[in-house]
Protein backbone atom coordinates (compact mmCIF):
# COMPACT_ATOMS: atom_id res chain seq x y z
CA MET A 1 0.00 0.00 0.00
CA SER A 2 1.39 3.42 -0.90
CA THR A 3 2.29 5.97 1.74
CA MET A 4 -0.37 8.36 0.43
CA VAL A 5 -3.10 5.71 0.60
CA LYS A 6 -2.08 4.95 4.18
CA ARG A 7 -2.03 8.66 5.04
CA VAL A 8 -5.48 9.25 3.56
CA ALA A 9 -6.86 6.13 5.25
CA GLN A 10 -5.59 7.33 8.63
CA ALA A 11 -7.04 10.80 8.04
CA LEU A 12 -10.42 9.29 7.13
CA GLN A 13 -10.36 7.15 10.25
CA GLN A 14 -9.56 10.13 12.44
CA GLU A 15 -12.20 12.31 10.80
CA MET A 16 -14.89 9.65 11.04
CA GLY A 17 -13.84 8.53 14.53
CA THR A 18 -14.01 4.88 13.54
CA ALA A 19 -12.54 2.17 15.70
CA PRO A 20 -11.20 -0.41 15.45
CA PHE A 21 -9.26 0.41 12.30
CA ASP A 22 -10.63 -1.69 9.44
CA LYS A 23 -7.67 -1.61 7.06
CA THR A 24 -9.50 -3.16 4.10
CA ALA A 25 -12.37 -0.67 4.17
CA ALA A 26 -10.15 2.29 5.06
CA PHE A 27 -7.73 1.58 2.22
CA ALA A 28 -10.60 1.14 -0.25
CA LEU A 29 -12.09 4.49 0.82
CA ALA A 30 -8.68 6.16 0.66
CA ARG A 31 -8.03 4.88 -2.86
CA ALA A 32 -11.48 6.06 -3.95
CA ALA A 33 -10.87 9.51 -2.45
CA ILE A 34 -7.51 9.84 -4.18
CA ALA A 35 -8.91 8.55 -7.49
CA ALA A 36 -11.70 11.13 -7.33
CA MET A 37 -9.02 13.83 -7.36
CA GLN A 38 -7.17 12.42 -10.37
CA GLU A 39 -8.78 14.86 -12.79
CA PRO A 40 -8.19 18.40 -11.51
CA THR A 41 -10.87 21.07 -11.73
CA GLU A 42 -10.24 24.28 -13.65
CA LYS A 43 -9.83 26.10 -10.33
CA MET A 44 -7.21 23.56 -9.24
CA ILE A 45 -5.29 24.14 -12.48
CA ASP A 46 -5.45 27.91 -11.86
CA ALA A 47 -4.09 27.31 -8.35
CA TRP A 48 -1.21 25.25 -9.76
CA ILE A 49 -0.30 27.93 -12.29
CA SER A 50 -0.27 30.71 -9.73
CA ALA A 51 1.57 28.77 -7.01
CA PRO A 52 5.19 29.43 -6.07
CA GLY A 53 7.58 26.54 -5.64
CA ALA A 54 7.09 24.61 -8.89
CA ILE A 55 5.99 21.02 -8.33
CA LYS A 56 5.54 20.93 -4.54
CA GLY A 57 3.95 24.36 -4.32
CA GLY A 58 1.70 23.63 -7.26
CA TRP A 59 0.56 20.30 -5.85
CA GLN A 60 -0.14 21.82 -2.45
CA ALA A 61 -2.01 24.72 -4.04
CA MET A 62 -4.21 22.30 -6.02
CA ILE A 63 -5.03 20.29 -2.91
CA ASP A 64 -5.72 23.50 -0.94
CA CYS A 65 -8.02 24.57 -3.75
CA ALA A 66 -9.85 21.23 -3.68
CA LEU A 67 -10.31 21.49 0.09
CA ARG A 68 -12.00 24.90 -0.07
CA VAL A 69 -15.58 25.07 1.08
CA THR A 70 -16.80 26.42 -2.28
CA ASP A 71 -15.39 26.92 -5.77
CA ASP A 72 -16.21 30.62 -5.44
CA GLU A 73 -13.33 31.33 -3.04
CA PRO A 74 -10.49 33.07 -4.85
CA VAL A 75 -7.34 31.16 -5.69
CA ALA A 76 -4.46 32.33 -3.48
CA LYS A 77 -1.71 34.11 -5.40
CA GLY A 78 1.86 33.19 -4.40
């Protein structure tokens, strides 16, 4: 299992307050959550373009954009 899948599974478990940790279900949910983000939105692409720090900054800006409450929030400029 990839580190990111494990990280997302742990975050889901913490957010949902589930116990005991059901690895099979948590990993399946984590993979589904990550897969849902495979195709970026236009706003996420805008965030990537305007982000400082090339790859890492762009990736983090896209994820920050995806985590916003609404798509109407402005994209942060470097």
